[in-house]
Amino acid sequence: MSNDVFWQRLDALLERCQIVIDRPRGSHHPRFTEIVYALDYGYLDGTSSNDGEGIDVWLGSDRERGLDAVICTVDLDKGDAEMKLMVGCTDEEKAYIERFYNEWPDMGAKIIKR
């Protein structure tokens, strides 16, 4: 599969599925209350990911709402790895998201840009 096809398939998912924000900007993580989300975070309704829930989405402030990056995460505590979509995220917001995952001892993340 070419690189273009990968991004086209993700674009198609975004067109077909509604983004549900279940952790709005400024809210606290449900289990780890010390974590506060600086950006809207949610999932694509009607999709599934490794954790059995919808594909995770970070929603930034860019009004274009384009998908130009994904972030791949590894969580040693949960024993899983996931890909999360970055929709409408500025470069500064992408950097925040990458730091968000890499600051925890059992987690790591890498951004893949379009």
N, C-alpha and C. Protein backbone atom coordinates (compact mmCIF):
# COMPACT_ATOMS: atom_id res chain seq x y z
N MET A 1 0.85 -1.17 0.00
CA MET A 1 0.00 0.00 0.00
C MET A 1 0.90 1.24 0.00
N SER A 2 0.61 2.14 -0.90
CA SER A 2 1.42 3.36 -0.94
C SER A 2 1.06 4.27 0.23
N ASN A 3 1.95 5.19 0.51
CA ASN A 3 1.76 6.16 1.58
C ASN A 3 0.48 6.96 1.34
N ASP A 4 0.21 7.33 0.08
CA ASP A 4 -0.98 8.11 -0.24
C ASP A 4 -2.26 7.34 0.10
N VAL A 5 -2.27 6.05 -0.18
CA VAL A 5 -3.45 5.23 0.09
C VAL A 5 -3.73 5.19 1.60
N PHE A 6 -2.70 5.08 2.40
CA PHE A 6 -2.87 5.08 3.86
C PHE A 6 -3.61 6.33 4.31
N TRP A 7 -3.14 7.50 3.86
CA TRP A 7 -3.76 8.77 4.27
C TRP A 7 -5.16 8.92 3.68
N GLN A 8 -5.37 8.43 2.47
CA GLN A 8 -6.71 8.48 1.86
C GLN A 8 -7.70 7.65 2.66
N ARG A 9 -7.28 6.50 3.15
CA ARG A 9 -8.17 5.64 3.95
C ARG A 9 -8.52 6.32 5.28
N LEU A 10 -7.54 6.97 5.88
CA LEU A 10 -7.83 7.70 7.12
C LEU A 10 -8.76 8.87 6.86
N ASP A 11 -8.56 9.58 5.75
CA ASP A 11 -9.48 10.67 5.37
C ASP A 11 -10.90 10.14 5.20
N ALA A 12 -11.02 8.96 4.58
CA ALA A 12 -12.33 8.36 4.37
C ALA A 12 -13.00 8.04 5.71
N LEU A 13 -12.24 7.52 6.66
CA LEU A 13 -12.80 7.26 8.00
C LEU A 13 -13.32 8.55 8.64
N LEU A 14 -12.54 9.62 8.51
CA LEU A 14 -12.96 10.90 9.09
C LEU A 14 -14.23 11.43 8.42
N GLU A 15 -14.39 11.18 7.13
CA GLU A 15 -15.59 11.62 6.43
C GLU A 15 -16.81 10.80 6.84
N ARG A 16 -16.62 9.52 7.11
CA ARG A 16 -17.72 8.61 7.43
C ARG A 16 -18.16 8.64 8.88
N CYS A 17 -17.24 8.96 9.76
CA CYS A 17 -17.49 8.79 11.19
C CYS A 17 -17.42 10.14 11.92
N GLN A 18 -18.28 10.28 12.88
CA GLN A 18 -18.33 11.51 13.66
C GLN A 18 -17.27 11.48 14.77
N ILE A 19 -16.61 12.62 14.98
CA ILE A 19 -15.68 12.75 16.09
C ILE A 19 -16.49 13.04 17.35
N VAL A 20 -16.30 12.23 18.37
CA VAL A 20 -16.95 12.41 19.66
C VAL A 20 -15.88 12.87 20.65
N ILE A 21 -16.07 14.04 21.24
CA ILE A 21 -15.12 14.55 22.24
C ILE A 21 -15.63 14.15 23.62
N ASP A 22 -14.94 13.20 24.24
CA ASP A 22 -15.34 12.76 25.58
C ASP A 22 -14.42 13.33 26.66
N ARG A 23 -13.34 13.97 26.24
CA ARG A 23 -12.44 14.65 27.18
C ARG A 23 -12.14 16.04 26.61
N PRO A 24 -13.03 16.98 26.87
CA PRO A 24 -12.83 18.33 26.32
C PRO A 24 -11.61 19.03 26.94
N ARG A 25 -11.11 19.98 26.18
CA ARG A 25 -10.00 20.82 26.64
C ARG A 25 -10.27 21.30 28.07
N GLY A 26 -9.30 21.14 28.96
CA GLY A 26 -9.44 21.56 30.35
C GLY A 26 -9.98 20.50 31.28
N SER A 27 -10.41 19.35 30.74
CA SER A 27 -10.96 18.29 31.59
C SER A 27 -9.84 17.41 32.14
N HIS A 28 -10.15 16.63 33.15
CA HIS A 28 -9.20 15.74 33.80
C HIS A 28 -9.40 14.31 33.29
N HIS A 29 -8.30 13.57 33.25
CA HIS A 29 -8.34 12.15 32.89
C HIS A 29 -9.22 11.43 33.92
N PRO A 30 -10.06 10.49 33.50
CA PRO A 30 -10.96 9.82 34.44
C PRO A 30 -10.26 9.01 35.54
N ARG A 31 -9.12 8.39 35.24
CA ARG A 31 -8.42 7.59 36.25
C ARG A 31 -7.26 8.33 36.90
N PHE A 32 -6.62 9.19 36.14
CA PHE A 32 -5.44 9.92 36.62
C PHE A 32 -5.79 11.40 36.66
N THR A 33 -6.39 11.81 37.75
CA THR A 33 -6.95 13.16 37.83
C THR A 33 -5.91 14.27 37.76
N GLU A 34 -4.64 13.94 37.94
CA GLU A 34 -3.61 14.97 37.81
C GLU A 34 -3.36 15.35 36.35
N ILE A 35 -3.85 14.53 35.42
CA ILE A 35 -3.69 14.81 33.99
C ILE A 35 -4.83 15.70 33.53
N VAL A 36 -4.48 16.86 32.98
CA VAL A 36 -5.46 17.80 32.43
C VAL A 36 -5.21 17.90 30.93
N TYR A 37 -6.26 17.78 30.14
CA TYR A 37 -6.13 17.84 28.68
C TYR A 37 -6.12 19.29 28.22
N ALA A 38 -5.06 19.69 27.50
CA ALA A 38 -4.95 21.04 26.96
C ALA A 38 -5.64 21.17 25.61
N LEU A 39 -6.01 20.02 25.02
CA LEU A 39 -6.72 19.98 23.74
C LEU A 39 -7.90 19.03 23.86
N ASP A 40 -8.85 19.18 22.95
CA ASP A 40 -9.98 18.24 22.91
C ASP A 40 -9.46 16.86 22.50
N TYR A 41 -10.00 15.84 23.18
CA TYR A 41 -9.58 14.46 22.92
C TYR A 41 -10.83 13.60 22.89
N GLY A 42 -10.88 12.72 21.93
CA GLY A 42 -12.05 11.85 21.83
C GLY A 42 -11.76 10.66 20.92
N TYR A 43 -12.79 10.30 20.15
CA TYR A 43 -12.67 9.10 19.31
C TYR A 43 -13.59 9.22 18.11
N LEU A 44 -13.38 8.36 17.13
CA LEU A 44 -14.25 8.28 15.96
C LEU A 44 -15.35 7.28 16.24
N ASP A 45 -16.57 7.76 16.27
CA ASP A 45 -17.72 6.90 16.53
C ASP A 45 -17.84 5.84 15.44
N GLY A 46 -18.13 4.61 15.84
CA GLY A 46 -18.33 3.52 14.88
C GLY A 46 -17.04 2.87 14.42
N THR A 47 -15.92 3.18 15.07
CA THR A 47 -14.64 2.55 14.72
C THR A 47 -14.14 1.74 15.91
N SER A 48 -13.09 0.97 15.69
CA SER A 48 -12.51 0.24 16.82
C SER A 48 -10.99 0.29 16.71
N SER A 49 -10.38 0.24 17.86
CA SER A 49 -8.93 0.29 17.96
C SER A 49 -8.45 -0.89 18.80
N ASN A 50 -7.17 -0.94 19.05
CA ASN A 50 -6.58 -2.05 19.81
C ASN A 50 -7.21 -2.23 21.19
N ASP A 51 -7.64 -1.13 21.81
CA ASP A 51 -8.20 -1.22 23.16
C ASP A 51 -9.70 -1.55 23.17
N GLY A 52 -10.26 -1.83 21.97
CA GLY A 52 -11.67 -2.19 21.88
C GLY A 52 -12.61 -0.99 21.83
N GLU A 53 -12.06 0.20 21.88
CA GLU A 53 -12.88 1.41 21.78
C GLU A 53 -12.61 2.07 20.45
N GLY A 54 -13.24 3.21 20.20
CA GLY A 54 -13.06 3.91 18.93
C GLY A 54 -11.64 4.42 18.75
N ILE A 55 -11.29 4.68 17.49
CA ILE A 55 -9.97 5.23 17.18
C ILE A 55 -9.86 6.60 17.84
N ASP A 56 -8.80 6.80 18.61
CA ASP A 56 -8.60 8.04 19.34
C ASP A 56 -8.27 9.20 18.40
N VAL A 57 -8.75 10.39 18.80
CA VAL A 57 -8.55 11.60 18.01
C VAL A 57 -8.16 12.75 18.93
N TRP A 58 -7.11 13.45 18.56
CA TRP A 58 -6.77 14.73 19.17
C TRP A 58 -7.29 15.80 18.22
N LEU A 59 -8.08 16.73 18.72
CA LEU A 59 -8.67 17.78 17.88
C LEU A 59 -8.05 19.12 18.27
N GLY A 60 -7.34 19.71 17.31
CA GLY A 60 -6.64 20.96 17.55
C GLY A 60 -7.47 22.18 17.18
N SER A 61 -6.81 23.32 17.12
CA SER A 61 -7.49 24.60 16.94
C SER A 61 -7.56 25.07 15.49
N ASP A 62 -6.91 24.38 14.57
CA ASP A 62 -6.92 24.78 13.16
C ASP A 62 -8.31 24.53 12.58
N ARG A 63 -8.93 25.57 12.10
CA ARG A 63 -10.31 25.48 11.56
C ARG A 63 -10.42 24.58 10.34
N GLU A 64 -9.33 24.35 9.64
CA GLU A 64 -9.34 23.48 8.46
C GLU A 64 -9.70 22.05 8.83
N ARG A 65 -9.38 21.64 10.04
CA ARG A 65 -9.67 20.29 10.55
C ARG A 65 -9.09 19.19 9.66
N GLY A 66 -7.93 19.46 9.08
CA GLY A 66 -7.29 18.46 8.24
C GLY A 66 -6.51 17.45 9.07
N LEU A 67 -6.34 16.27 8.51
CA LEU A 67 -5.54 15.22 9.12
C LEU A 67 -4.19 15.24 8.44
N ASP A 68 -3.16 15.67 9.17
CA ASP A 68 -1.84 15.69 8.57
C ASP A 68 -0.80 14.95 9.40
N ALA A 69 -1.27 14.27 10.45
CA ALA A 69 -0.34 13.48 11.27
C ALA A 69 -1.11 12.47 12.11
N VAL A 70 -0.40 11.43 12.48
CA VAL A 70 -0.89 10.48 13.48
C VAL A 70 0.21 10.36 14.53
N ILE A 71 -0.17 9.92 15.70
CA ILE A 71 0.83 9.64 16.72
C ILE A 71 0.68 8.19 17.15
N CYS A 72 1.78 7.49 17.14
CA CYS A 72 1.80 6.09 17.57
C CYS A 72 2.32 6.05 19.00
N THR A 73 1.58 5.37 19.87
CA THR A 73 1.94 5.33 21.28
C THR A 73 2.18 3.90 21.74
N VAL A 74 3.04 3.79 22.73
CA VAL A 74 3.30 2.51 23.40
C VAL A 74 3.08 2.76 24.89
N ASP A 75 2.27 1.90 25.51
CA ASP A 75 1.97 2.01 26.94
C ASP A 75 2.37 0.69 27.60
N LEU A 76 3.51 0.69 28.27
CA LEU A 76 4.00 -0.54 28.90
C LEU A 76 3.10 -0.98 30.05
N ASP A 77 2.49 -0.01 30.76
CA ASP A 77 1.60 -0.34 31.86
C ASP A 77 0.39 -1.14 31.38
N LYS A 78 -0.21 -0.72 30.26
CA LYS A 78 -1.36 -1.44 29.69
C LYS A 78 -0.93 -2.56 28.76
N GLY A 79 0.33 -2.56 28.35
CA GLY A 79 0.81 -3.58 27.42
C GLY A 79 0.21 -3.43 26.03
N ASP A 80 0.08 -2.16 25.57
CA ASP A 80 -0.50 -1.98 24.25
C ASP A 80 0.20 -0.89 23.46
N ALA A 81 -0.13 -0.84 22.19
CA ALA A 81 0.33 0.21 21.28
C ALA A 81 -0.86 0.63 20.44
N GLU A 82 -0.95 1.92 20.16
CA GLU A 82 -2.08 2.45 19.41
C GLU A 82 -1.63 3.54 18.45
N MET A 83 -2.48 3.80 17.47
CA MET A 83 -2.31 4.93 16.58
C MET A 83 -3.48 5.88 16.85
N LYS A 84 -3.17 7.17 17.01
CA LYS A 84 -4.19 8.18 17.30
C LYS A 84 -4.12 9.25 16.21
N LEU A 85 -5.27 9.73 15.78
CA LEU A 85 -5.32 10.73 14.72
C LEU A 85 -5.14 12.12 15.31
N MET A 86 -4.45 12.98 14.56
CA MET A 86 -4.25 14.37 14.96
C MET A 86 -4.96 15.23 13.91
N VAL A 87 -6.11 15.77 14.28
CA VAL A 87 -6.97 16.49 13.35
C VAL A 87 -6.94 17.98 13.68
N GLY A 88 -6.58 18.78 12.71
CA GLY A 88 -6.57 20.22 12.90
C GLY A 88 -5.58 20.69 13.94
N CYS A 89 -4.48 19.99 14.08
CA CYS A 89 -3.49 20.34 15.10
C CYS A 89 -2.37 21.18 14.48
N THR A 90 -2.06 22.28 15.13
CA THR A 90 -0.93 23.11 14.72
C THR A 90 0.37 22.41 15.11
N ASP A 91 1.49 22.93 14.63
CA ASP A 91 2.78 22.35 15.00
C ASP A 91 2.99 22.39 16.51
N GLU A 92 2.58 23.48 17.15
CA GLU A 92 2.73 23.61 18.60
C GLU A 92 1.87 22.58 19.32
N GLU A 93 0.66 22.36 18.81
CA GLU A 93 -0.24 21.37 19.43
C GLU A 93 0.30 19.96 19.25
N LYS A 94 0.87 19.68 18.10
CA LYS A 94 1.48 18.36 17.88
C LYS A 94 2.63 18.14 18.86
N ALA A 95 3.44 19.17 19.06
CA ALA A 95 4.55 19.06 20.01
C ALA A 95 4.03 18.81 21.43
N TYR A 96 2.94 19.48 21.80
CA TYR A 96 2.32 19.25 23.12
C TYR A 96 1.89 17.79 23.25
N ILE A 97 1.22 17.27 22.23
CA ILE A 97 0.71 15.89 22.28
C ILE A 97 1.87 14.90 22.42
N GLU A 98 2.93 15.12 21.67
CA GLU A 98 4.08 14.22 21.76
C GLU A 98 4.69 14.26 23.17
N ARG A 99 4.82 15.47 23.72
CA ARG A 99 5.33 15.59 25.11
C ARG A 99 4.38 14.93 26.10
N PHE A 100 3.07 15.06 25.86
CA PHE A 100 2.04 14.48 26.73
C PHE A 100 2.31 13.00 26.96
N TYR A 101 2.64 12.28 25.90
CA TYR A 101 2.87 10.84 26.03
C TYR A 101 4.28 10.50 26.50
N ASN A 102 5.26 11.26 26.07
CA ASN A 102 6.65 10.92 26.37
C ASN A 102 7.11 11.33 27.77
N GLU A 103 6.30 12.09 28.48
CA GLU A 103 6.72 12.51 29.83
C GLU A 103 6.44 11.45 30.90
N TRP A 104 5.67 10.42 30.56
CA TRP A 104 5.33 9.38 31.54
C TRP A 104 6.32 8.23 31.43
N PRO A 105 6.74 7.66 32.57
CA PRO A 105 7.81 6.65 32.57
C PRO A 105 7.50 5.40 31.75
N ASP A 106 6.25 4.98 31.68
CA ASP A 106 5.91 3.73 30.98
C ASP A 106 5.32 3.96 29.59
N MET A 107 5.42 5.20 29.09
CA MET A 107 4.84 5.49 27.79
C MET A 107 5.89 6.08 26.85
N GLY A 108 5.61 5.96 25.57
CA GLY A 108 6.43 6.57 24.53
C GLY A 108 5.57 6.83 23.30
N ALA A 109 5.97 7.80 22.50
CA ALA A 109 5.17 8.14 21.33
C ALA A 109 6.06 8.72 20.24
N LYS A 110 5.59 8.56 19.01
CA LYS A 110 6.28 9.10 17.84
C LYS A 110 5.22 9.61 16.87
N ILE A 111 5.43 10.84 16.37
CA ILE A 111 4.51 11.42 15.39
C ILE A 111 4.95 11.00 13.99
N ILE A 112 3.98 10.65 13.17
CA ILE A 112 4.20 10.37 11.76
C ILE A 112 3.42 11.43 10.99
N LYS A 113 4.14 12.27 10.24
CA LYS A 113 3.51 13.35 9.48
C LYS A 113 3.19 12.90 8.07
N ARG A 114 2.15 13.48 7.53
CA ARG A 114 1.69 13.17 6.18
C ARG A 114 2.70 13.62 5.16
